[in-house]
Amino acid sequence: MDMMMGDNVKATGKPVKFKVQLTGNSIKDTTYTINVVKNGNPFGAFKMEGKMPMIEFTDTPAIAGRTYYRVTVEGPSTPYPQVPQSAALSGNMVGLSNPICFNFDPNF
């Protein structure tokens, strides 16, 4: 099953494969750092580069209790013409995701 940011599903006890991919404007020959947070704690840091930067990782959400994952993306930001000078304000923060949740519905 495909999920996206903000989704909530019941954990099955099986491993889940996650994919993080940058789309839109990225800077050529640049490395981006992806920090994965699981339940508020650092889970992993990954480097990605290339024309369509992408990483994948696998983890098994707990069957009992709640689990969530979110990511931050750091690297050089690209200009955003609709908000002049915004790249200077965000520093090296390129993106911050909403979480993907497991077992957050009380009916699960």
C-alpha atoms as a PDB file:
ATOM      1  CA  MET A   1       0.000   0.000   0.000  1.00  0.00           C
ATOM      2  CA  ASP A   2       1.223   3.506  -0.778  1.00  0.00           C
ATOM      3  CA  MET A   3       1.103   6.138   1.950  1.00  0.00           C
ATOM      4  CA  MET A   4       2.013   9.806   2.035  1.00  0.00           C
ATOM      5  CA  MET A   5       2.648  12.474   4.626  1.00  0.00           C
ATOM      6  CA  GLY A   6      -0.231  12.835   7.058  1.00  0.00           C
ATOM      7  CA  ASP A   7      -1.532   9.302   6.567  1.00  0.00           C
ATOM      8  CA  ASN A   8      -2.383   7.002   9.471  1.00  0.00           C
ATOM      9  CA  VAL A   9      -2.639   3.207   9.166  1.00  0.00           C
ATOM     10  CA  LYS A  10      -2.687   0.203  11.437  1.00  0.00           C
ATOM     11  CA  ALA A  11       0.745  -1.385  11.896  1.00  0.00           C
ATOM     12  CA  THR A  12       0.974  -4.996  10.704  1.00  0.00           C
ATOM     13  CA  GLY A  13       4.251  -6.009  12.336  1.00  0.00           C
ATOM     14  CA  LYS A  14       5.890  -6.248   8.910  1.00  0.00           C
ATOM     15  CA  PRO A  15       8.709  -4.004   7.661  1.00  0.00           C
ATOM     16  CA  VAL A  16       7.707  -0.825   5.852  1.00  0.00           C
ATOM     17  CA  LYS A  17       9.802   0.629   3.032  1.00  0.00           C
ATOM     18  CA  PHE A  18       9.967   4.441   3.073  1.00  0.00           C
ATOM     19  CA  LYS A  19      11.053   6.599   0.125  1.00  0.00           C
ATOM     20  CA  VAL A  20      12.064  10.256   0.296  1.00  0.00           C
ATOM     21  CA  GLN A  21      12.448  12.029  -3.046  1.00  0.00           C
ATOM     22  CA  LEU A  22      13.051  15.690  -3.817  1.00  0.00           C
ATOM     23  CA  THR A  23      11.120  17.065  -6.770  1.00  0.00           C
ATOM     24  CA  GLY A  24      11.052  20.455  -8.374  1.00  0.00           C
ATOM     25  CA  ASN A  25      14.116  22.650  -8.450  1.00  0.00           C
ATOM     26  CA  SER A  26      17.247  21.168  -6.942  1.00  0.00           C
ATOM     27  CA  ILE A  27      20.756  22.469  -7.347  1.00  0.00           C
ATOM     28  CA  LYS A  28      22.991  20.405  -9.629  1.00  0.00           C
ATOM     29  CA  ASP A  29      25.974  18.627  -8.012  1.00  0.00           C
ATOM     30  CA  THR A  30      24.632  19.304  -4.508  1.00  0.00           C
ATOM     31  CA  THR A  31      24.317  16.914  -1.600  1.00  0.00           C
ATOM     32  CA  TYR A  32      21.225  17.096   0.598  1.00  0.00           C
ATOM     33  CA  THR A  33      20.982  15.660   4.112  1.00  0.00           C
ATOM     34  CA  ILE A  34      17.810  13.831   5.087  1.00  0.00           C
ATOM     35  CA  ASN A  35      17.231  13.433   8.833  1.00  0.00           C
ATOM     36  CA  VAL A  36      14.583  10.878   9.746  1.00  0.00           C
ATOM     37  CA  VAL A  37      12.828  11.276  13.106  1.00  0.00           C
ATOM     38  CA  LYS A  38      10.959   8.351  14.655  1.00  0.00           C
ATOM     39  CA  ASN A  39       8.714   9.136  17.627  1.00  0.00           C
ATOM     40  CA  GLY A  40      10.580  12.372  18.301  1.00  0.00           C
ATOM     41  CA  ASN A  41      14.048  10.754  18.303  1.00  0.00           C
ATOM     42  CA  PRO A  42      16.737  10.683  15.607  1.00  0.00           C
ATOM     43  CA  PHE A  43      16.357   7.517  13.520  1.00  0.00           C
ATOM     44  CA  GLY A  44      18.848   8.046  10.704  1.00  0.00           C
ATOM     45  CA  ALA A  45      20.682  10.574   8.582  1.00  0.00           C
ATOM     46  CA  PHE A  46      21.102  10.005   4.858  1.00  0.00           C
ATOM     47  CA  LYS A  47      22.845  11.853   2.047  1.00  0.00           C
ATOM     48  CA  MET A  48      21.258  12.219  -1.370  1.00  0.00           C
ATOM     49  CA  GLU A  49      22.317  13.855  -4.591  1.00  0.00           C
ATOM     50  CA  GLY A  50      21.689  13.737  -8.314  1.00  0.00           C
ATOM     51  CA  LYS A  51      19.099  15.068 -10.741  1.00  0.00           C
ATOM     52  CA  MET A  52      16.178  13.490  -8.805  1.00  0.00           C
ATOM     53  CA  PRO A  53      17.604  13.044  -5.267  1.00  0.00           C
ATOM     54  CA  MET A  54      16.065  10.035  -3.485  1.00  0.00           C
ATOM     55  CA  ILE A  55      16.753   7.715  -0.544  1.00  0.00           C
ATOM     56  CA  GLU A  56      14.954   4.662   0.823  1.00  0.00           C
ATOM     57  CA  PHE A  57      14.983   3.080   4.260  1.00  0.00           C
ATOM     58  CA  THR A  58      13.070   0.301   5.987  1.00  0.00           C
ATOM     59  CA  ASP A  59      11.758  -0.030   9.531  1.00  0.00           C
ATOM     60  CA  THR A  60       9.081  -1.991  11.352  1.00  0.00           C
ATOM     61  CA  PRO A  61       6.520   0.129  13.252  1.00  0.00           C
ATOM     62  CA  ALA A  62       5.399  -1.347  16.572  1.00  0.00           C
ATOM     63  CA  ILE A  63       2.146  -3.316  16.534  1.00  0.00           C
ATOM     64  CA  ALA A  64       1.210  -2.032  20.010  1.00  0.00           C
ATOM     65  CA  GLY A  65       1.326   1.704  20.672  1.00  0.00           C
ATOM     66  CA  ARG A  66       1.791   4.579  18.297  1.00  0.00           C
ATOM     67  CA  THR A  67       4.683   5.178  15.919  1.00  0.00           C
ATOM     68  CA  TYR A  68       5.378   8.099  13.612  1.00  0.00           C
ATOM     69  CA  TYR A  69       8.109   9.095  11.157  1.00  0.00           C
ATOM     70  CA  ARG A  70       8.920  12.506   9.706  1.00  0.00           C
ATOM     71  CA  VAL A  71      11.868  13.990   7.840  1.00  0.00           C
ATOM     72  CA  THR A  72      13.814  17.205   7.530  1.00  0.00           C
ATOM     73  CA  VAL A  73      15.780  18.076   4.393  1.00  0.00           C
ATOM     74  CA  GLU A  74      18.867  20.276   4.657  1.00  0.00           C
ATOM     75  CA  GLY A  75      21.027  21.715   1.903  1.00  0.00           C
ATOM     76  CA  PRO A  76      21.203  24.821  -0.234  1.00  0.00           C
ATOM     77  CA  SER A  77      17.794  26.301  -0.906  1.00  0.00           C
ATOM     78  CA  THR A  78      16.664  27.499  -4.291  1.00  0.00           C
ATOM     79  CA  PRO A  79      15.155  30.957  -4.833  1.00  0.00           C
ATOM     80  CA  TYR A  80      11.399  31.250  -4.364  1.00  0.00           C
ATOM     81  CA  PRO A  81      10.406  34.206  -6.588  1.00  0.00           C
ATOM     82  CA  GLN A  82       6.979  34.640  -4.988  1.00  0.00           C
ATOM     83  CA  VAL A  83       8.673  35.426  -1.631  1.00  0.00           C
ATOM     84  CA  PRO A  84      11.846  37.411  -2.336  1.00  0.00           C
ATOM     85  CA  GLN A  85      14.725  36.877   0.109  1.00  0.00           C
ATOM     86  CA  SER A  86      13.021  33.832   1.683  1.00  0.00           C
ATOM     87  CA  ALA A  87      16.011  31.585   0.958  1.00  0.00           C
ATOM     88  CA  ALA A  88      18.157  33.805   3.164  1.00  0.00           C
ATOM     89  CA  LEU A  89      15.698  33.409   6.046  1.00  0.00           C
ATOM     90  CA  SER A  90      15.496  29.615   5.893  1.00  0.00           C
ATOM     91  CA  GLY A  91      19.254  29.035   5.915  1.00  0.00           C
ATOM     92  CA  ASN A  92      20.002  25.457   4.926  1.00  0.00           C
ATOM     93  CA  MET A  93      16.510  24.117   5.784  1.00  0.00           C
ATOM     94  CA  VAL A  94      14.957  22.918   2.525  1.00  0.00           C
ATOM     95  CA  GLY A  95      11.966  21.025   3.877  1.00  0.00           C
ATOM     96  CA  LEU A  96      10.131  19.591   6.880  1.00  0.00           C
ATOM     97  CA  SER A  97       7.504  16.893   6.426  1.00  0.00           C
ATOM     98  CA  ASN A  98       4.287  16.068   8.169  1.00  0.00           C
ATOM     99  CA  PRO A  99       4.478  12.685   9.893  1.00  0.00           C
ATOM    100  CA  ILE A 100       3.395   9.311   8.600  1.00  0.00           C
ATOM    101  CA  CYS A 101       1.556   7.690  11.519  1.00  0.00           C
ATOM    102  CA  PHE A 102       0.844   4.143  12.621  1.00  0.00           C
ATOM    103  CA  ASN A 103      -1.878   3.234  15.161  1.00  0.00           C
ATOM    104  CA  PHE A 104      -2.957   6.811  15.947  1.00  0.00           C
ATOM    105  CA  ASP A 105      -6.640   6.036  15.346  1.00  0.00           C
ATOM    106  CA  PRO A 106      -8.186   4.962  18.690  1.00  0.00           C
ATOM    107  CA  ASN A 107     -10.370   2.454  16.809  1.00  0.00           C
ATOM    108  CA  PHE A 108      -7.353   0.426  15.630  1.00  0.00           C
END
